[in-house]
Amino acid sequence: MLSRELQAGWEGMVQEEQPPQARGTTHEDVPDWWPYAAEFPHWHVWQGVCGLVYARRPRTSPPVVVRGEDVLDLRNQMRRAEAG
């Protein structure tokens, strides 16, 4: 059995490592080139080095990641992914 101090330290460490529970996209998280943040608040978007744009939906199983040639293509891919 763990001592109370060790158990309290372990629980605190595990709790600190947990991601925020209900974190939506904030204004600081939205890149200037992404105008559809309001339509997809739970998606994370980024630009790849080859010019493609990517998006992922955190906390999905299996993981949902889509890519597009531009922002319109990416938006359409995200809509398809959400439709199932």
Protein backbone atom coordinates (compact mmCIF):
# COMPACT_ATOMS: atom_id res chain seq x y z
CA MET A 1 0.00 0.00 0.00
CA LEU A 2 1.31 3.45 -0.92
CA SER A 3 2.01 5.95 1.78
CA ARG A 4 -0.32 8.95 1.87
CA GLU A 5 2.47 11.34 0.80
CA LEU A 6 3.50 9.19 -2.14
CA GLN A 7 -0.11 8.60 -3.16
CA ALA A 8 -0.92 12.34 -2.93
CA GLY A 9 2.16 13.16 -5.02
CA TRP A 10 1.25 10.54 -7.63
CA GLU A 11 -2.35 11.75 -7.91
CA GLY A 12 -1.16 15.35 -8.26
CA MET A 13 1.32 14.37 -10.95
CA VAL A 14 -1.28 12.44 -12.92
CA GLN A 15 -3.77 15.28 -12.63
CA GLU A 16 -1.20 17.82 -13.86
CA GLU A 17 -0.46 15.67 -16.91
CA GLN A 18 -4.08 15.54 -17.99
CA PRO A 19 -5.11 17.80 -20.89
CA PRO A 20 -7.77 20.43 -20.22
CA GLN A 21 -11.23 18.88 -20.19
CA ALA A 22 -13.36 21.27 -22.21
CA ARG A 23 -10.86 23.32 -24.11
CA GLY A 24 -12.14 24.96 -27.23
CA THR A 25 -10.14 26.95 -29.71
CA THR A 26 -9.07 30.34 -28.45
CA HIS A 27 -8.31 33.36 -30.59
CA GLU A 28 -4.57 32.82 -30.02
CA ASP A 29 -4.78 29.24 -31.37
CA VAL A 30 -6.29 30.29 -34.70
CA PRO A 31 -3.83 30.99 -37.52
CA ASP A 32 -4.41 34.11 -39.60
CA TRP A 33 -4.91 32.02 -42.74
CA TRP A 34 -7.79 29.95 -41.23
CA PRO A 35 -11.15 31.77 -41.59
CA TYR A 36 -13.33 28.80 -40.54
CA ALA A 37 -12.45 28.64 -36.83
CA ALA A 38 -16.03 29.39 -35.76
CA GLU A 39 -17.35 26.51 -37.87
CA PHE A 40 -14.75 24.04 -36.50
CA PRO A 41 -13.95 25.12 -32.92
CA HIS A 42 -12.66 21.70 -31.82
CA TRP A 43 -10.20 21.17 -34.64
CA HIS A 44 -6.49 22.01 -34.67
CA VAL A 45 -5.15 23.23 -38.03
CA TRP A 46 -1.63 23.75 -39.33
CA GLN A 47 0.32 24.23 -42.56
CA GLY A 48 2.73 21.57 -43.70
CA VAL A 49 6.13 22.23 -45.22
CA CYS A 50 4.95 21.14 -48.69
CA GLY A 51 2.15 23.71 -48.85
CA LEU A 52 -0.62 21.32 -47.79
CA VAL A 53 -2.84 22.26 -44.86
CA TYR A 54 -3.80 19.77 -42.17
CA ALA A 55 -6.40 19.46 -39.43
CA ARG A 56 -6.94 17.03 -36.61
CA ARG A 57 -9.78 16.53 -34.19
CA PRO A 58 -8.30 15.91 -30.71
CA ARG A 59 -9.73 13.21 -28.46
CA THR A 60 -11.18 11.05 -31.21
CA SER A 61 -10.77 7.33 -31.55
CA PRO A 62 -9.57 6.42 -34.05
CA PRO A 63 -7.67 9.69 -34.58
CA VAL A 64 -9.19 11.96 -37.23
CA VAL A 65 -6.65 13.79 -39.40
CA VAL A 66 -7.43 15.34 -42.78
CA ARG A 67 -5.44 17.32 -45.31
CA GLY A 68 -6.20 19.64 -48.18
CA GLU A 69 -4.49 21.55 -50.93
CA ASP A 70 -5.91 24.86 -49.65
CA VAL A 71 -8.28 26.13 -46.94
CA LEU A 72 -11.41 25.40 -48.98
CA ASP A 73 -10.32 21.84 -49.67
CA LEU A 74 -9.43 21.39 -45.99
CA ARG A 75 -12.82 22.75 -44.90
CA ASN A 76 -14.55 20.28 -47.23
CA GLN A 77 -12.46 17.38 -45.90
CA MET A 78 -13.34 18.38 -42.34
CA ARG A 79 -17.04 18.50 -43.19
CA ARG A 80 -16.80 15.00 -44.69
CA ALA A 81 -15.01 13.72 -41.61
CA GLU A 82 -17.66 15.14 -39.29
CA ALA A 83 -20.48 13.73 -41.40
CA GLY A 84 -19.09 10.29 -40.77
